[in-house]
C-alpha atoms as a PDB file:
ATOM      1  CA  MET A   1       6.510 -24.786  -7.695  1.00  0.00           C
ATOM      2  CA  ILE A   2       9.966 -23.417  -6.905  1.00  0.00           C
ATOM      3  CA  HIS A   3       8.830 -19.848  -7.586  1.00  0.00           C
ATOM      4  CA  SER A   4       5.925 -20.059  -5.115  1.00  0.00           C
ATOM      5  CA  GLN A   5       8.203 -21.324  -2.344  1.00  0.00           C
ATOM      6  CA  ARG A   6      10.614 -18.463  -2.985  1.00  0.00           C
ATOM      7  CA  GLY A   7       7.762 -15.954  -2.569  1.00  0.00           C
ATOM      8  CA  LYS A   8       6.672 -17.579   0.696  1.00  0.00           C
ATOM      9  CA  ARG A   9      10.194 -17.375   2.058  1.00  0.00           C
ATOM     10  CA  GLY A  10      10.308 -13.673   1.228  1.00  0.00           C
ATOM     11  CA  PHE A  11       7.070 -13.051   3.097  1.00  0.00           C
ATOM     12  CA  ILE A  12       8.225 -15.014   6.147  1.00  0.00           C
ATOM     13  CA  THR A  13      11.572 -13.201   6.060  1.00  0.00           C
ATOM     14  CA  ALA A  14       9.781  -9.845   5.999  1.00  0.00           C
ATOM     15  CA  ILE A  15       7.675 -10.828   9.018  1.00  0.00           C
ATOM     16  CA  ILE A  16      10.777 -11.991  10.917  1.00  0.00           C
ATOM     17  CA  LEU A  17      12.580  -8.718  10.098  1.00  0.00           C
ATOM     18  CA  ILE A  18       9.624  -6.620  11.261  1.00  0.00           C
ATOM     19  CA  VAL A  19       9.302  -8.547  14.525  1.00  0.00           C
ATOM     20  CA  THR A  20      13.056  -8.297  15.105  1.00  0.00           C
ATOM     21  CA  ALA A  21      13.001  -4.548  14.460  1.00  0.00           C
ATOM     22  CA  LEU A  22      10.127  -4.122  16.927  1.00  0.00           C
ATOM     23  CA  ILE A  23      12.026  -6.085  19.574  1.00  0.00           C
ATOM     24  CA  VAL A  24      15.174  -3.993  19.045  1.00  0.00           C
ATOM     25  CA  LEU A  25      13.187  -0.731  19.223  1.00  0.00           C
ATOM     26  CA  GLY A  26      11.561  -1.911  22.448  1.00  0.00           C
ATOM     27  CA  PHE A  27      14.939  -2.869  23.867  1.00  0.00           C
ATOM     28  CA  PHE A  28      16.225   0.671  23.311  1.00  0.00           C
ATOM     29  CA  GLY A  29      13.137   2.163  24.965  1.00  0.00           C
ATOM     30  CA  PHE A  30      11.164   3.390  21.960  1.00  0.00           C
ATOM     31  CA  ASN A  31       7.412   3.378  22.452  1.00  0.00           C
ATOM     32  CA  LEU A  32       5.845   3.092  18.999  1.00  0.00           C
ATOM     33  CA  LYS A  33       2.386   3.968  20.272  1.00  0.00           C
ATOM     34  CA  SER A  34       3.521   7.326  21.652  1.00  0.00           C
ATOM     35  CA  ILE A  35       5.554   8.010  18.502  1.00  0.00           C
ATOM     36  CA  VAL A  36       2.644   7.277  16.145  1.00  0.00           C
ATOM     37  CA  ASN A  37       0.179   9.239  18.293  1.00  0.00           C
ATOM     38  CA  SER A  38       2.354  12.368  18.383  1.00  0.00           C
ATOM     39  CA  PRO A  39       0.841  15.355  16.543  1.00  0.00           C
ATOM     40  CA  THR A  40       3.779  15.713  14.148  1.00  0.00           C
ATOM     41  CA  VAL A  41       3.726  12.087  13.025  1.00  0.00           C
ATOM     42  CA  THR A  42      -0.063  12.141  12.722  1.00  0.00           C
ATOM     43  CA  ALA A  43       0.102  15.269  10.548  1.00  0.00           C
ATOM     44  CA  ASN A  44       2.840  13.750   8.391  1.00  0.00           C
ATOM     45  CA  LEU A  45       0.929  10.505   7.939  1.00  0.00           C
ATOM     46  CA  SER A  46      -2.225  12.429   7.011  1.00  0.00           C
ATOM     47  CA  TYR A  47      -0.286  14.455   4.452  1.00  0.00           C
ATOM     48  CA  VAL A  48       1.272  11.356   2.872  1.00  0.00           C
ATOM     49  CA  TRP A  49      -2.097   9.587   2.852  1.00  0.00           C
ATOM     50  CA  GLY A  50      -3.610  12.562   1.011  1.00  0.00           C
ATOM     51  CA  LEU A  51      -0.817  12.399  -1.568  1.00  0.00           C
ATOM     52  CA  LEU A  52      -1.373   8.674  -2.050  1.00  0.00           C
ATOM     53  CA  VAL A  53      -5.122   9.131  -2.507  1.00  0.00           C
ATOM     54  CA  HIS A  54      -4.540  11.943  -4.997  1.00  0.00           C
ATOM     55  CA  ALA A  55      -1.986   9.849  -6.935  1.00  0.00           C
ATOM     56  CA  TRP A  56      -4.379   6.878  -6.904  1.00  0.00           C
ATOM     57  CA  ASN A  57      -7.180   9.012  -8.335  1.00  0.00           C
ATOM     58  CA  ILE A  58      -4.979  10.594 -11.015  1.00  0.00           C
ATOM     59  CA  PHE A  59      -2.818   7.678 -12.137  1.00  0.00           C
ATOM     60  CA  ILE A  60      -5.038   4.636 -11.520  1.00  0.00           C
ATOM     61  CA  VAL A  61      -8.718   5.565 -11.389  1.00  0.00           C
ATOM     62  CA  THR A  62      -8.780   8.079 -14.257  1.00  0.00           C
ATOM     63  CA  PRO A  63      -7.094   5.788 -16.841  1.00  0.00           C
ATOM     64  CA  ALA A  64      -9.104   2.786 -15.624  1.00  0.00           C
ATOM     65  CA  VAL A  65     -12.402   4.666 -16.050  1.00  0.00           C
ATOM     66  CA  TRP A  66     -11.316   5.858 -19.510  1.00  0.00           C
ATOM     67  CA  LEU A  67     -10.381   2.298 -20.511  1.00  0.00           C
ATOM     68  CA  TRP A  68     -13.622   0.875 -19.107  1.00  0.00           C
ATOM     69  CA  ASP A  69     -15.638   3.433 -21.098  1.00  0.00           C
ATOM     70  CA  LYS A  70     -13.814   2.377 -24.285  1.00  0.00           C
ATOM     71  CA  VAL A  71     -14.404  -1.326 -23.551  1.00  0.00           C
ATOM     72  CA  GLN A  72     -18.103  -0.692 -22.930  1.00  0.00           C
ATOM     73  CA  GLY A  73     -18.317   1.305 -26.174  1.00  0.00           C
ATOM     74  CA  VAL A  74     -16.802  -1.564 -28.150  1.00  0.00           C
ATOM     75  CA  LEU A  75     -19.011  -4.143 -26.446  1.00  0.00           C
ATOM     76  CA  PHE A  76     -22.131  -2.031 -26.969  1.00  0.00           C
ATOM     77  CA  LYS A  77     -21.360  -1.665 -30.707  1.00  0.00           C
ATOM     78  CA  VAL A  78     -20.786  -5.422 -31.038  1.00  0.00           C
ATOM     79  CA  THR A  79     -24.035  -6.385 -29.288  1.00  0.00           C
ATOM     80  CA  SER A  80     -26.237  -3.837 -31.110  1.00  0.00           C
END
């Protein structure tokens, strides 16, 4: 019970920090929409997204498919 409350506090703290950061950025005149829509940021985000997708396919999907094939092979041998 104590552990679940600690996790909830961390989530609420993260939300409060994000909202506070957005308020501070707005106070200093930063427009997040124009920053995110700039060509440089868009290109950088696309590049990082491509790296994440590639890493996901190499490090998560490939071993998971291999493991699933092994599990199916064992299950098929047991049921036949």
